[in-house]
């Protein structure tokens, strides 16, 4: 008799935490480093220290590793944060494309549009995943050609937009087929928006031109979210001395 093996995944946990914050300089230190296989350009989302279930947690900021300082310590820049809910020591961090001791593997389905312009950003998605140490196992390109195969080693199926009526029929068929394959293999499915949020991706701000010749530009806010800072904020947040020496991770 043939036994169908199904992978049992342990629910993702937060990867680490913020150990020091310099709001004036827009930098933080995290308790992950060389021994944890963290490397520059790895992006993390930041969640409050009291965040419980990762699946229900709301991101408060994004950071990007700029320098690995020791076995369990790295420096990162604050990519975006909320003035009303700033990054604090003890906040937790997570990204879906990195995990201690392994390279995360992904499958992509649907239209991968990263900036909301209605066009495919499949190659940019590849760059984002590779830059963070991930691997793309399977995808359907813009012409409807399947590349690679989903397998039990695939960690996430990332679902982009449902292909429209003008898309190649192969692309629409693959949307359903790859979802069914993921279901049979117990592979977790995640929307593109949630995936980008968890990995700390910040969408570029659209601008609209007004006035004669379009000389003035104003940001177009499509999120209805509170304003975010660029790292330079008031004297309310005083810089502190970074921790000395390596700090072990408890995650």
C-alpha atoms as a PDB file:
ATOM      1  CA  UNK A   1       0.000   0.000   0.000  1.00  0.00           C
ATOM      2  CA  UNK A   2       1.151   3.518  -0.726  1.00  0.00           C
ATOM      3  CA  UNK A   3       1.270   5.940   2.157  1.00  0.00           C
ATOM      4  CA  UNK A   4       0.770   9.598   1.225  1.00  0.00           C
ATOM      5  CA  UNK A   5       3.106  11.651   3.367  1.00  0.00           C
ATOM      6  CA  UNK A   6       2.013  15.116   4.387  1.00  0.00           C
ATOM      7  CA  UNK A   7       4.344  17.615   5.954  1.00  0.00           C
ATOM      8  CA  UNK A   8       3.307  18.949   9.334  1.00  0.00           C
ATOM      9  CA  UNK A   9       4.488  22.539   9.721  1.00  0.00           C
ATOM     10  CA  UNK A  10       5.121  24.176  13.048  1.00  0.00           C
ATOM     11  CA  UNK A  11       3.385  27.565  13.107  1.00  0.00           C
ATOM     12  CA  UNK A  12       5.841  30.379  12.509  1.00  0.00           C
ATOM     13  CA  UNK A  13       7.167  32.198  15.548  1.00  0.00           C
ATOM     14  CA  UNK A  14       8.804  35.593  15.873  1.00  0.00           C
ATOM     15  CA  UNK A  15      12.480  35.367  14.940  1.00  0.00           C
ATOM     16  CA  UNK A  16      14.015  37.820  17.373  1.00  0.00           C
ATOM     17  CA  UNK A  17      13.669  41.203  19.014  1.00  0.00           C
ATOM     18  CA  UNK A  18      14.880  44.796  19.057  1.00  0.00           C
ATOM     19  CA  UNK A  19      17.686  45.280  21.600  1.00  0.00           C
ATOM     20  CA  UNK A  20      18.509  48.969  21.120  1.00  0.00           C
ATOM     21  CA  UNK A  21      16.938  51.916  19.272  1.00  0.00           C
ATOM     22  CA  UNK A  22      18.340  55.216  17.993  1.00  0.00           C
ATOM     23  CA  UNK A  23      15.294  57.111  16.731  1.00  0.00           C
ATOM     24  CA  UNK A  24      17.311  60.178  15.820  1.00  0.00           C
ATOM     25  CA  UNK A  25      19.609  58.137  13.591  1.00  0.00           C
ATOM     26  CA  UNK A  26      16.850  55.812  12.410  1.00  0.00           C
ATOM     27  CA  UNK A  27      18.711  52.649  13.420  1.00  0.00           C
ATOM     28  CA  UNK A  28      18.149  49.635  15.653  1.00  0.00           C
ATOM     29  CA  UNK A  29      20.128  46.625  16.851  1.00  0.00           C
ATOM     30  CA  UNK A  30      18.581  43.156  16.824  1.00  0.00           C
ATOM     31  CA  UNK A  31      19.546  39.950  18.638  1.00  0.00           C
ATOM     32  CA  UNK A  32      20.343  38.023  15.448  1.00  0.00           C
ATOM     33  CA  UNK A  33      23.735  37.932  13.773  1.00  0.00           C
ATOM     34  CA  UNK A  34      26.366  35.910  11.968  1.00  0.00           C
ATOM     35  CA  UNK A  35      25.665  32.683  13.855  1.00  0.00           C
ATOM     36  CA  UNK A  36      22.000  32.996  12.887  1.00  0.00           C
ATOM     37  CA  UNK A  37      22.859  33.303   9.157  1.00  0.00           C
ATOM     38  CA  UNK A  38      21.480  36.846   9.005  1.00  0.00           C
ATOM     39  CA  UNK A  39      23.024  38.962   6.271  1.00  0.00           C
ATOM     40  CA  UNK A  40      22.822  42.581   5.091  1.00  0.00           C
ATOM     41  CA  UNK A  41      19.690  43.567   3.122  1.00  0.00           C
ATOM     42  CA  UNK A  42      17.535  41.073   5.018  1.00  0.00           C
ATOM     43  CA  UNK A  43      14.263  42.835   5.809  1.00  0.00           C
ATOM     44  CA  UNK A  44      12.119  42.233   8.887  1.00  0.00           C
ATOM     45  CA  UNK A  45       8.722  43.451   9.977  1.00  0.00           C
ATOM     46  CA  UNK A  46       8.480  44.807  13.520  1.00  0.00           C
ATOM     47  CA  UNK A  47       5.649  43.965  15.925  1.00  0.00           C
ATOM     48  CA  UNK A  48       4.882  45.173  19.423  1.00  0.00           C
ATOM     49  CA  UNK A  49       6.544  43.482  22.382  1.00  0.00           C
ATOM     50  CA  UNK A  50       3.154  42.234  23.531  1.00  0.00           C
ATOM     51  CA  UNK A  51       2.219  40.675  20.187  1.00  0.00           C
ATOM     52  CA  UNK A  52       0.989  37.132  20.669  1.00  0.00           C
ATOM     53  CA  UNK A  53      -0.160  35.094  17.684  1.00  0.00           C
ATOM     54  CA  UNK A  54       1.899  36.034  14.630  1.00  0.00           C
ATOM     55  CA  UNK A  55      -0.982  35.251  12.274  1.00  0.00           C
ATOM     56  CA  UNK A  56      -3.072  37.972  13.933  1.00  0.00           C
ATOM     57  CA  UNK A  57      -0.318  40.492  14.725  1.00  0.00           C
ATOM     58  CA  UNK A  58      -0.202  43.891  13.007  1.00  0.00           C
ATOM     59  CA  UNK A  59       3.078  45.262  11.700  1.00  0.00           C
ATOM     60  CA  UNK A  60       4.210  48.542  13.260  1.00  0.00           C
ATOM     61  CA  UNK A  61       7.419  49.141  11.269  1.00  0.00           C
ATOM     62  CA  UNK A  62       9.955  47.692   8.843  1.00  0.00           C
ATOM     63  CA  UNK A  63      13.725  47.384   9.219  1.00  0.00           C
ATOM     64  CA  UNK A  64      16.571  46.318   6.916  1.00  0.00           C
ATOM     65  CA  UNK A  65      19.821  44.798   8.165  1.00  0.00           C
ATOM     66  CA  UNK A  66      22.814  46.955   7.220  1.00  0.00           C
ATOM     67  CA  UNK A  67      25.660  45.411   9.215  1.00  0.00           C
ATOM     68  CA  UNK A  68      26.232  42.145  11.068  1.00  0.00           C
ATOM     69  CA  UNK A  69      28.247  42.952  14.189  1.00  0.00           C
ATOM     70  CA  UNK A  70      28.666  39.683  16.109  1.00  0.00           C
ATOM     71  CA  UNK A  71      27.316  36.121  16.339  1.00  0.00           C
ATOM     72  CA  UNK A  72      23.987  37.338  17.733  1.00  0.00           C
ATOM     73  CA  UNK A  73      23.887  41.052  17.024  1.00  0.00           C
ATOM     74  CA  UNK A  74      23.174  43.068  13.870  1.00  0.00           C
ATOM     75  CA  UNK A  75      22.470  46.692  13.024  1.00  0.00           C
ATOM     76  CA  UNK A  76      19.484  47.667  10.878  1.00  0.00           C
ATOM     77  CA  UNK A  77      17.950  50.848   9.540  1.00  0.00           C
ATOM     78  CA  UNK A  78      14.322  51.744  10.133  1.00  0.00           C
ATOM     79  CA  UNK A  79      12.673  51.707   6.710  1.00  0.00           C
ATOM     80  CA  UNK A  80       9.315  52.983   7.915  1.00  0.00           C
ATOM     81  CA  UNK A  81       7.659  53.478  11.279  1.00  0.00           C
ATOM     82  CA  UNK A  82       4.685  55.174  12.883  1.00  0.00           C
ATOM     83  CA  UNK A  83       5.150  58.336  14.939  1.00  0.00           C
ATOM     84  CA  UNK A  84       2.213  57.287  17.103  1.00  0.00           C
ATOM     85  CA  UNK A  85       3.649  53.810  17.686  1.00  0.00           C
ATOM     86  CA  UNK A  86       7.464  54.034  17.442  1.00  0.00           C
ATOM     87  CA  UNK A  87       9.895  51.127  17.455  1.00  0.00           C
ATOM     88  CA  UNK A  88      10.883  50.240  21.024  1.00  0.00           C
ATOM     89  CA  UNK A  89      13.330  47.948  22.768  1.00  0.00           C
ATOM     90  CA  UNK A  90      11.702  44.538  23.166  1.00  0.00           C
ATOM     91  CA  UNK A  91       9.623  44.751  19.983  1.00  0.00           C
ATOM     92  CA  UNK A  92       9.564  41.493  18.031  1.00  0.00           C
ATOM     93  CA  UNK A  93      10.727  40.927  14.455  1.00  0.00           C
ATOM     94  CA  UNK A  94       9.808  38.457  11.721  1.00  0.00           C
ATOM     95  CA  UNK A  95      10.171  37.805   7.986  1.00  0.00           C
ATOM     96  CA  UNK A  96       8.676  34.915   5.977  1.00  0.00           C
ATOM     97  CA  UNK A  97      11.722  34.590   3.701  1.00  0.00           C
ATOM     98  CA  UNK A  98      14.316  33.770   6.372  1.00  0.00           C
ATOM     99  CA  UNK A  99      14.543  31.048   8.984  1.00  0.00           C
ATOM    100  CA  UNK A 100      17.448  29.924  11.142  1.00  0.00           C
ATOM    101  CA  UNK A 101      19.271  27.022   9.521  1.00  0.00           C
ATOM    102  CA  UNK A 102      17.231  26.836   6.312  1.00  0.00           C
ATOM    103  CA  UNK A 103      16.465  28.621   3.061  1.00  0.00           C
ATOM    104  CA  UNK A 104      12.739  29.218   2.712  1.00  0.00           C
ATOM    105  CA  UNK A 105      11.145  27.964  -0.508  1.00  0.00           C
ATOM    106  CA  UNK A 106       8.140  29.548  -2.234  1.00  0.00           C
ATOM    107  CA  UNK A 107       5.672  29.038  -5.055  1.00  0.00           C
ATOM    108  CA  UNK A 108       3.993  31.974  -6.790  1.00  0.00           C
ATOM    109  CA  UNK A 109       0.550  32.072  -8.377  1.00  0.00           C
ATOM    110  CA  UNK A 110      -1.509  34.757 -10.058  1.00  0.00           C
ATOM    111  CA  UNK A 111      -0.449  38.260 -11.057  1.00  0.00           C
ATOM    112  CA  UNK A 112       2.449  39.488  -8.896  1.00  0.00           C
ATOM    113  CA  UNK A 113       1.948  43.271  -8.844  1.00  0.00           C
ATOM    114  CA  UNK A 114       4.170  44.922  -6.226  1.00  0.00           C
ATOM    115  CA  UNK A 115       3.392  48.589  -6.835  1.00  0.00           C
ATOM    116  CA  UNK A 116      -0.261  48.590  -7.845  1.00  0.00           C
ATOM    117  CA  UNK A 117       0.294  49.715 -11.431  1.00  0.00           C
ATOM    118  CA  UNK A 118      -1.548  46.725 -12.887  1.00  0.00           C
ATOM    119  CA  UNK A 119       1.584  45.182 -14.412  1.00  0.00           C
ATOM    120  CA  UNK A 120       3.474  42.047 -13.455  1.00  0.00           C
ATOM    121  CA  UNK A 121       6.519  42.469 -11.202  1.00  0.00           C
ATOM    122  CA  UNK A 122       7.523  38.815 -11.265  1.00  0.00           C
ATOM    123  CA  UNK A 123      11.234  39.478 -11.732  1.00  0.00           C
ATOM    124  CA  UNK A 124      11.275  42.063  -8.934  1.00  0.00           C
ATOM    125  CA  UNK A 125       9.613  39.481  -6.700  1.00  0.00           C
ATOM    126  CA  UNK A 126      12.409  37.045  -7.554  1.00  0.00           C
ATOM    127  CA  UNK A 127      14.974  39.670  -6.587  1.00  0.00           C
ATOM    128  CA  UNK A 128      13.261  40.339  -3.249  1.00  0.00           C
ATOM    129  CA  UNK A 129      13.112  36.665  -2.339  1.00  0.00           C
ATOM    130  CA  UNK A 130      16.697  35.928  -3.405  1.00  0.00           C
ATOM    131  CA  UNK A 131      18.036  38.998  -1.575  1.00  0.00           C
ATOM    132  CA  UNK A 132      16.611  37.559   1.630  1.00  0.00           C
ATOM    133  CA  UNK A 133      17.975  34.064   1.026  1.00  0.00           C
ATOM    134  CA  UNK A 134      14.769  32.480  -0.297  1.00  0.00           C
ATOM    135  CA  UNK A 135      14.170  30.188  -3.283  1.00  0.00           C
ATOM    136  CA  UNK A 136      11.294  30.158  -5.797  1.00  0.00           C
ATOM    137  CA  UNK A 137      10.261  26.557  -6.494  1.00  0.00           C
ATOM    138  CA  UNK A 138       7.398  27.133  -8.921  1.00  0.00           C
ATOM    139  CA  UNK A 139       5.668  29.927 -10.791  1.00  0.00           C
ATOM    140  CA  UNK A 140       3.702  30.740 -13.916  1.00  0.00           C
ATOM    141  CA  UNK A 141       5.269  33.439 -16.079  1.00  0.00           C
ATOM    142  CA  UNK A 142       3.346  36.216 -17.824  1.00  0.00           C
ATOM    143  CA  UNK A 143       2.921  34.090 -20.968  1.00  0.00           C
ATOM    144  CA  UNK A 144       1.305  31.236 -19.044  1.00  0.00           C
ATOM    145  CA  UNK A 145       4.353  28.935 -18.965  1.00  0.00           C
ATOM    146  CA  UNK A 146       4.889  26.915 -15.778  1.00  0.00           C
ATOM    147  CA  UNK A 147       8.417  27.112 -14.383  1.00  0.00           C
ATOM    148  CA  UNK A 148       9.452  24.578 -11.732  1.00  0.00           C
ATOM    149  CA  UNK A 149       7.249  22.447  -9.495  1.00  0.00           C
ATOM    150  CA  UNK A 150       5.692  22.793  -6.073  1.00  0.00           C
ATOM    151  CA  UNK A 151       6.834  20.138  -3.578  1.00  0.00           C
ATOM    152  CA  UNK A 152       6.724  19.156   0.083  1.00  0.00           C
ATOM    153  CA  UNK A 153       9.783  21.374   0.614  1.00  0.00           C
ATOM    154  CA  UNK A 154       7.836  24.457  -0.480  1.00  0.00           C
ATOM    155  CA  UNK A 155       7.047  26.531   2.607  1.00  0.00           C
ATOM    156  CA  UNK A 156       4.535  29.045   1.234  1.00  0.00           C
ATOM    157  CA  UNK A 157       2.296  29.475  -1.774  1.00  0.00           C
ATOM    158  CA  UNK A 158       2.083  33.231  -2.384  1.00  0.00           C
ATOM    159  CA  UNK A 159      -1.154  34.224  -4.112  1.00  0.00           C
ATOM    160  CA  UNK A 160      -1.110  37.331  -6.265  1.00  0.00           C
ATOM    161  CA  UNK A 161      -4.154  38.782  -7.991  1.00  0.00           C
ATOM    162  CA  UNK A 162      -6.558  36.422  -9.730  1.00  0.00           C
ATOM    163  CA  UNK A 163      -5.728  36.462 -13.477  1.00  0.00           C
ATOM    164  CA  UNK A 164      -8.264  38.504 -15.443  1.00  0.00           C
ATOM    165  CA  UNK A 165     -10.314  37.453 -18.442  1.00  0.00           C
ATOM    166  CA  UNK A 166      -7.676  38.890 -20.787  1.00  0.00           C
ATOM    167  CA  UNK A 167      -4.910  36.782 -19.245  1.00  0.00           C
ATOM    168  CA  UNK A 168      -3.681  33.613 -20.982  1.00  0.00           C
ATOM    169  CA  UNK A 169      -6.044  30.718 -20.142  1.00  0.00           C
ATOM    170  CA  UNK A 170      -3.033  28.735 -18.887  1.00  0.00           C
ATOM    171  CA  UNK A 171      -2.456  31.402 -16.247  1.00  0.00           C
ATOM    172  CA  UNK A 172      -6.046  31.161 -15.023  1.00  0.00           C
ATOM    173  CA  UNK A 173      -5.928  27.354 -14.972  1.00  0.00           C
ATOM    174  CA  UNK A 174      -2.662  27.367 -13.023  1.00  0.00           C
ATOM    175  CA  UNK A 175      -4.235  29.581 -10.350  1.00  0.00           C
ATOM    176  CA  UNK A 176      -6.611  26.750  -9.453  1.00  0.00           C
ATOM    177  CA  UNK A 177      -4.212  23.863 -10.096  1.00  0.00           C
ATOM    178  CA  UNK A 178      -1.388  25.132  -7.909  1.00  0.00           C
ATOM    179  CA  UNK A 179      -3.780  25.963  -5.067  1.00  0.00           C
ATOM    180  CA  UNK A 180      -5.094  22.402  -5.185  1.00  0.00           C
ATOM    181  CA  UNK A 181      -1.548  21.012  -5.154  1.00  0.00           C
ATOM    182  CA  UNK A 182      -0.696  23.173  -2.150  1.00  0.00           C
ATOM    183  CA  UNK A 183      -3.799  21.953  -0.329  1.00  0.00           C
ATOM    184  CA  UNK A 184      -2.912  18.301  -0.914  1.00  0.00           C
ATOM    185  CA  UNK A 185       0.652  18.849   0.335  1.00  0.00           C
ATOM    186  CA  UNK A 186      -0.478  20.937   3.346  1.00  0.00           C
ATOM    187  CA  UNK A 187       1.522  23.934   2.119  1.00  0.00           C
ATOM    188  CA  UNK A 188       0.524  27.190   3.756  1.00  0.00           C
ATOM    189  CA  UNK A 189      -1.121  29.743   1.470  1.00  0.00           C
ATOM    190  CA  UNK A 190      -0.523  33.455   1.995  1.00  0.00           C
ATOM    191  CA  UNK A 191      -1.743  36.478   0.042  1.00  0.00           C
ATOM    192  CA  UNK A 192       0.777  38.692  -1.715  1.00  0.00           C
ATOM    193  CA  UNK A 193      -0.179  41.699   0.429  1.00  0.00           C
ATOM    194  CA  UNK A 194       0.327  39.769   3.677  1.00  0.00           C
ATOM    195  CA  UNK A 195       3.611  38.322   2.410  1.00  0.00           C
ATOM    196  CA  UNK A 196       4.952  41.796   1.588  1.00  0.00           C
ATOM    197  CA  UNK A 197       3.777  43.136   4.939  1.00  0.00           C
ATOM    198  CA  UNK A 198       5.513  40.371   6.888  1.00  0.00           C
ATOM    199  CA  UNK A 199       8.797  40.786   5.027  1.00  0.00           C
ATOM    200  CA  UNK A 200       8.865  44.541   5.608  1.00  0.00           C
ATOM    201  CA  UNK A 201       8.327  45.600   2.000  1.00  0.00           C
ATOM    202  CA  UNK A 202       7.378  49.260   1.641  1.00  0.00           C
ATOM    203  CA  UNK A 203       5.414  50.204  -1.456  1.00  0.00           C
ATOM    204  CA  UNK A 204       6.658  53.262  -3.320  1.00  0.00           C
ATOM    205  CA  UNK A 205       4.527  56.366  -2.763  1.00  0.00           C
ATOM    206  CA  UNK A 206       2.509  57.431  -5.764  1.00  0.00           C
ATOM    207  CA  UNK A 207       2.429  61.144  -6.571  1.00  0.00           C
ATOM    208  CA  UNK A 208      -0.138  63.276  -8.349  1.00  0.00           C
ATOM    209  CA  UNK A 209       0.657  66.468 -10.256  1.00  0.00           C
ATOM    210  CA  UNK A 210      -1.450  69.582  -9.710  1.00  0.00           C
ATOM    211  CA  UNK A 211      -1.244  73.123 -10.988  1.00  0.00           C
ATOM    212  CA  UNK A 212       0.119  74.573 -14.194  1.00  0.00           C
ATOM    213  CA  UNK A 213       2.610  72.234 -15.810  1.00  0.00           C
ATOM    214  CA  UNK A 214       2.300  69.830 -12.923  1.00  0.00           C
ATOM    215  CA  UNK A 215       5.032  71.682 -11.070  1.00  0.00           C
ATOM    216  CA  UNK A 216       3.829  70.687  -7.620  1.00  0.00           C
ATOM    217  CA  UNK A 217       3.558  67.091  -6.461  1.00  0.00           C
ATOM    218  CA  UNK A 218       1.499  65.724  -3.618  1.00  0.00           C
ATOM    219  CA  UNK A 219       1.590  62.159  -2.261  1.00  0.00           C
ATOM    220  CA  UNK A 220      -1.439  60.028  -2.991  1.00  0.00           C
ATOM    221  CA  UNK A 221      -2.541  58.264   0.183  1.00  0.00           C
ATOM    222  CA  UNK A 222      -4.388  55.057  -0.707  1.00  0.00           C
ATOM    223  CA  UNK A 223      -3.922  53.313   2.631  1.00  0.00           C
ATOM    224  CA  UNK A 224      -5.746  55.559   5.127  1.00  0.00           C
ATOM    225  CA  UNK A 225      -2.994  54.633   7.586  1.00  0.00           C
ATOM    226  CA  UNK A 226      -1.290  57.082   9.981  1.00  0.00           C
ATOM    227  CA  UNK A 227       1.648  59.023   8.596  1.00  0.00           C
ATOM    228  CA  UNK A 228       5.051  57.384   8.887  1.00  0.00           C
ATOM    229  CA  UNK A 229       8.355  59.001   9.732  1.00  0.00           C
ATOM    230  CA  UNK A 230      11.649  58.921   7.881  1.00  0.00           C
ATOM    231  CA  UNK A 231      13.698  58.340  11.020  1.00  0.00           C
ATOM    232  CA  UNK A 232      14.375  61.962  12.008  1.00  0.00           C
ATOM    233  CA  UNK A 233      11.957  62.816  14.808  1.00  0.00           C
ATOM    234  CA  UNK A 234      11.680  65.068  17.849  1.00  0.00           C
ATOM    235  CA  UNK A 235      13.928  65.369  20.883  1.00  0.00           C
ATOM    236  CA  UNK A 236      11.396  63.264  22.765  1.00  0.00           C
ATOM    237  CA  UNK A 237      13.427  60.179  21.918  1.00  0.00           C
ATOM    238  CA  UNK A 238      16.940  60.418  23.282  1.00  0.00           C
ATOM    239  CA  UNK A 239      19.677  58.190  21.807  1.00  0.00           C
ATOM    240  CA  UNK A 240      21.098  55.599  24.136  1.00  0.00           C
ATOM    241  CA  UNK A 241      24.327  53.634  24.210  1.00  0.00           C
ATOM    242  CA  UNK A 242      24.145  50.373  22.231  1.00  0.00           C
ATOM    243  CA  UNK A 243      24.533  47.087  24.113  1.00  0.00           C
ATOM    244  CA  UNK A 244      28.099  45.885  24.474  1.00  0.00           C
ATOM    245  CA  UNK A 245      29.164  42.453  23.260  1.00  0.00           C
ATOM    246  CA  UNK A 246      27.115  39.675  21.755  1.00  0.00           C
ATOM    247  CA  UNK A 247      23.608  39.118  22.976  1.00  0.00           C
ATOM    248  CA  UNK A 248      22.174  35.619  22.681  1.00  0.00           C
ATOM    249  CA  UNK A 249      18.859  35.087  20.963  1.00  0.00           C
ATOM    250  CA  UNK A 250      16.002  33.515  22.824  1.00  0.00           C
ATOM    251  CA  UNK A 251      14.004  32.677  19.693  1.00  0.00           C
END
